[in-house]
Each structure stands twice: as C-alpha cells, then as structure tokens.
C-alpha cells in the first residue's frame, strides 16, 4: 500500500510486529456504504466508536482528530 500511495508509512500500528504487544493495535473502520468524501458520516461514526470505547474504559485515538495527517477511518489504542 505504501508503493501504491494508499499508506504513508510502514511503521503502522496495524502491523503486529511493530507493536510491543505483538498484536495489532489499530483498525480502519468506515461507514457503509463507503463514500470517502463524506466526512460528516466519518465524524458521526467516530462519535459512536469513541463513546463506546469510553464506556468500556478503552483509551483510543481517532485519526480524524490528528492535526498533521487526518486519517478518518483510523482508530488505535493509546
């Protein structure tokens, strides 16, 4: 995906070998049906995911909150 320009890094937390736990610590989730340009739907989905994570006491980071590289479908463990 880096070669195709779809991904920006090989240091992804999606890759188990990059994490201390040896497990994947990130996922990409998108609203269905998929429309990459519909940011409003990604924001709505993020509200539900972040609220659920908070209720379950799971600390996460959403790529849509990042300042340098906005990655709307990306969620990772803190």
N, C-alpha and C. Protein backbone atom coordinates (compact mmCIF):
# COMPACT_ATOMS: atom_id res chain seq x y z
N UNK A 1 0.81 -1.20 0.00
CA UNK A 1 0.00 0.00 0.00
C UNK A 1 0.85 1.27 0.00
N UNK A 2 2.03 1.22 0.61
CA UNK A 2 2.92 2.38 0.58
C UNK A 2 3.34 2.65 -0.87
N UNK A 3 3.69 1.59 -1.60
CA UNK A 3 4.09 1.74 -3.00
C UNK A 3 2.97 2.29 -3.86
N UNK A 4 1.74 1.93 -3.55
CA UNK A 4 0.56 2.41 -4.30
C UNK A 4 0.18 3.83 -3.88
N UNK A 5 0.73 4.33 -2.77
CA UNK A 5 0.37 5.65 -2.26
C UNK A 5 -0.85 5.63 -1.36
N UNK A 6 -1.37 4.44 -1.06
CA UNK A 6 -2.55 4.31 -0.21
C UNK A 6 -2.18 4.51 1.26
N UNK A 7 -0.98 4.09 1.64
CA UNK A 7 -0.49 4.24 3.01
C UNK A 7 0.74 5.13 2.99
N UNK A 8 0.97 5.82 4.11
CA UNK A 8 2.11 6.75 4.19
C UNK A 8 3.31 6.16 4.92
N UNK A 9 3.14 5.02 5.62
CA UNK A 9 4.23 4.52 6.47
C UNK A 9 4.18 3.00 6.62
N UNK A 10 5.34 2.44 6.90
CA UNK A 10 5.43 1.03 7.26
C UNK A 10 5.52 0.88 8.77
N UNK A 11 5.45 1.99 9.51
CA UNK A 11 5.50 1.96 10.97
C UNK A 11 4.09 1.90 11.57
N UNK A 12 3.18 1.37 10.80
CA UNK A 12 1.78 1.32 11.18
C UNK A 12 1.54 0.44 12.40
N UNK A 13 0.59 0.87 13.24
CA UNK A 13 0.19 0.05 14.39
C UNK A 13 -0.77 -1.05 13.95
N UNK A 14 -1.08 -1.10 12.64
CA UNK A 14 -1.86 -2.19 12.07
C UNK A 14 -1.01 -3.46 11.96
N UNK A 15 0.30 -3.30 11.98
CA UNK A 15 1.24 -4.41 11.78
C UNK A 15 1.69 -4.93 13.14
N UNK A 16 1.36 -6.20 13.46
CA UNK A 16 1.69 -6.74 14.79
C UNK A 16 3.16 -6.62 15.17
N UNK A 17 4.06 -6.82 14.23
CA UNK A 17 5.48 -6.80 14.55
C UNK A 17 5.98 -5.41 14.94
N UNK A 18 5.20 -4.38 14.70
CA UNK A 18 5.59 -3.01 15.06
C UNK A 18 5.19 -2.65 16.49
N UNK A 19 4.50 -3.55 17.19
CA UNK A 19 3.95 -3.24 18.50
C UNK A 19 4.59 -4.08 19.60
N UNK A 20 4.76 -3.47 20.76
CA UNK A 20 5.34 -4.18 21.90
C UNK A 20 4.54 -5.43 22.26
N UNK A 21 3.23 -5.36 22.08
CA UNK A 21 2.37 -6.48 22.45
C UNK A 21 2.45 -7.62 21.45
N UNK A 22 2.94 -7.34 20.24
CA UNK A 22 2.95 -8.34 19.19
C UNK A 22 1.58 -8.53 18.55
N UNK A 23 0.63 -7.65 18.91
CA UNK A 23 -0.73 -7.71 18.38
C UNK A 23 -1.02 -6.44 17.58
N UNK A 24 -2.02 -6.50 16.73
CA UNK A 24 -2.46 -5.30 16.04
C UNK A 24 -3.05 -4.35 17.07
N UNK A 25 -2.70 -3.09 16.98
CA UNK A 25 -3.20 -2.09 17.92
C UNK A 25 -3.96 -0.98 17.20
N UNK A 26 -4.34 -1.24 15.93
CA UNK A 26 -5.08 -0.25 15.16
C UNK A 26 -5.99 -0.96 14.16
N UNK A 27 -7.09 -0.29 13.84
CA UNK A 27 -8.02 -0.78 12.83
C UNK A 27 -8.50 0.41 11.99
N UNK A 28 -8.96 0.11 10.80
CA UNK A 28 -9.62 1.10 9.97
C UNK A 28 -11.08 0.71 9.86
N UNK A 29 -11.97 1.66 10.14
CA UNK A 29 -13.41 1.42 10.11
C UNK A 29 -14.04 2.57 9.33
N UNK A 30 -14.91 2.22 8.38
CA UNK A 30 -15.56 3.24 7.58
C UNK A 30 -17.07 2.99 7.53
N UNK A 31 -17.85 4.07 7.42
CA UNK A 31 -19.31 3.91 7.31
C UNK A 31 -19.67 3.28 5.97
N UNK A 32 -20.73 2.47 6.00
CA UNK A 32 -21.19 1.79 4.80
C UNK A 32 -22.55 2.35 4.41
N UNK A 33 -22.81 2.58 3.15
CA UNK A 33 -21.93 2.39 2.01
C UNK A 33 -20.81 3.43 2.00
N UNK A 34 -19.67 3.03 1.52
CA UNK A 34 -18.46 3.84 1.58
C UNK A 34 -18.50 5.00 0.59
N UNK A 35 -18.25 6.19 1.13
CA UNK A 35 -18.09 7.39 0.32
C UNK A 35 -16.96 8.17 0.97
N UNK A 36 -15.76 8.07 0.44
CA UNK A 36 -14.57 8.67 1.06
C UNK A 36 -14.69 10.17 1.25
N UNK A 37 -15.48 10.84 0.43
CA UNK A 37 -15.56 12.30 0.53
C UNK A 37 -16.63 12.78 1.53
N UNK A 38 -17.42 11.87 2.09
CA UNK A 38 -18.47 12.24 3.05
C UNK A 38 -17.91 12.26 4.47
N UNK A 39 -17.21 13.34 4.81
CA UNK A 39 -16.56 13.46 6.12
C UNK A 39 -17.58 13.48 7.26
N UNK A 40 -18.77 13.99 7.00
CA UNK A 40 -19.80 14.06 8.03
C UNK A 40 -20.13 12.66 8.56
N UNK A 41 -20.21 11.67 7.69
CA UNK A 41 -20.52 10.30 8.11
C UNK A 41 -19.37 9.70 8.92
N UNK A 42 -18.12 10.00 8.55
CA UNK A 42 -16.97 9.53 9.32
C UNK A 42 -16.99 10.15 10.72
N UNK A 43 -17.35 11.42 10.82
CA UNK A 43 -17.40 12.10 12.11
C UNK A 43 -18.50 11.50 12.98
N UNK A 44 -19.67 11.24 12.39
CA UNK A 44 -20.77 10.61 13.14
C UNK A 44 -20.36 9.23 13.64
N UNK A 45 -19.73 8.44 12.80
CA UNK A 45 -19.27 7.12 13.20
C UNK A 45 -18.26 7.23 14.34
N UNK A 46 -17.36 8.20 14.25
CA UNK A 46 -16.34 8.36 15.29
C UNK A 46 -16.96 8.67 16.65
N UNK A 47 -18.05 9.43 16.65
CA UNK A 47 -18.72 9.75 17.91
C UNK A 47 -19.20 8.47 18.60
N UNK A 48 -19.78 7.57 17.83
CA UNK A 48 -20.28 6.31 18.39
C UNK A 48 -19.13 5.43 18.88
N UNK A 49 -18.07 5.35 18.10
CA UNK A 49 -16.94 4.50 18.47
C UNK A 49 -16.23 5.05 19.71
N UNK A 50 -16.01 6.36 19.75
CA UNK A 50 -15.33 6.97 20.90
C UNK A 50 -16.19 6.86 22.16
N UNK A 51 -17.50 7.04 22.03
CA UNK A 51 -18.40 6.92 23.18
C UNK A 51 -18.40 5.49 23.73
N UNK A 52 -18.43 4.52 22.83
CA UNK A 52 -18.41 3.11 23.25
C UNK A 52 -17.09 2.76 23.92
N UNK A 53 -15.98 3.22 23.35
CA UNK A 53 -14.66 2.97 23.94
C UNK A 53 -14.58 3.57 25.35
N UNK A 54 -15.13 4.76 25.51
CA UNK A 54 -15.12 5.42 26.82
C UNK A 54 -15.92 4.61 27.84
N UNK A 55 -17.11 4.14 27.44
CA UNK A 55 -17.94 3.33 28.33
C UNK A 55 -17.23 2.04 28.74
N UNK A 56 -16.42 1.50 27.84
CA UNK A 56 -15.69 0.26 28.12
C UNK A 56 -14.32 0.52 28.75
N UNK A 57 -14.01 1.80 29.00
CA UNK A 57 -12.73 2.19 29.60
C UNK A 57 -11.54 1.75 28.73
N UNK A 58 -11.69 1.95 27.42
CA UNK A 58 -10.63 1.64 26.47
C UNK A 58 -10.14 2.96 25.88
N UNK A 59 -8.88 3.28 26.11
CA UNK A 59 -8.31 4.53 25.61
C UNK A 59 -7.94 4.36 24.14
N UNK A 60 -8.56 5.19 23.28
CA UNK A 60 -8.27 5.14 21.86
C UNK A 60 -7.94 6.52 21.32
N UNK A 61 -7.36 6.53 20.14
CA UNK A 61 -7.09 7.73 19.38
C UNK A 61 -7.74 7.56 18.02
N UNK A 62 -8.42 8.61 17.55
CA UNK A 62 -9.02 8.59 16.22
C UNK A 62 -8.17 9.41 15.26
N UNK A 63 -7.87 8.85 14.12
CA UNK A 63 -7.07 9.55 13.11
C UNK A 63 -7.72 10.81 12.57
N UNK A 64 -9.03 10.96 12.74
CA UNK A 64 -9.72 12.17 12.33
C UNK A 64 -9.42 13.36 13.22
N UNK A 65 -8.88 13.10 14.42
CA UNK A 65 -8.51 14.16 15.36
C UNK A 65 -7.05 14.61 15.19
N UNK A 66 -6.31 13.91 14.36
CA UNK A 66 -4.90 14.26 14.16
C UNK A 66 -4.78 15.59 13.42
N UNK A 67 -3.73 16.32 13.71
CA UNK A 67 -3.51 17.62 13.08
C UNK A 67 -2.67 17.52 11.80
N UNK A 68 -1.62 16.68 11.82
CA UNK A 68 -0.70 16.65 10.68
C UNK A 68 -1.19 15.76 9.54
N UNK A 69 -1.75 14.63 9.84
CA UNK A 69 -2.24 13.70 8.82
C UNK A 69 -3.61 13.21 9.27
N UNK A 70 -4.66 13.72 8.66
CA UNK A 70 -6.01 13.32 9.03
C UNK A 70 -6.31 11.97 8.35
N UNK A 71 -6.66 10.99 9.16
CA UNK A 71 -6.92 9.62 8.69
C UNK A 71 -8.26 9.18 9.26
N UNK A 72 -9.35 9.58 8.60
CA UNK A 72 -10.70 9.41 9.11
C UNK A 72 -11.07 7.98 9.49
N UNK A 73 -10.65 6.94 8.78
CA UNK A 73 -11.07 5.60 9.17
C UNK A 73 -10.21 4.98 10.28
N UNK A 74 -9.15 5.64 10.71
CA UNK A 74 -8.16 5.03 11.60
C UNK A 74 -8.49 5.22 13.08
N UNK A 75 -8.44 4.11 13.82
CA UNK A 75 -8.58 4.08 15.28
C UNK A 75 -7.44 3.23 15.83
N UNK A 76 -6.83 3.71 16.92
CA UNK A 76 -5.77 2.92 17.54
C UNK A 76 -5.83 3.03 19.05
N UNK A 77 -5.28 2.01 19.70
CA UNK A 77 -5.16 2.03 21.15
C UNK A 77 -4.11 3.04 21.55
N UNK A 78 -4.36 3.75 22.66
CA UNK A 78 -3.35 4.70 23.17
C UNK A 78 -2.28 3.94 23.89
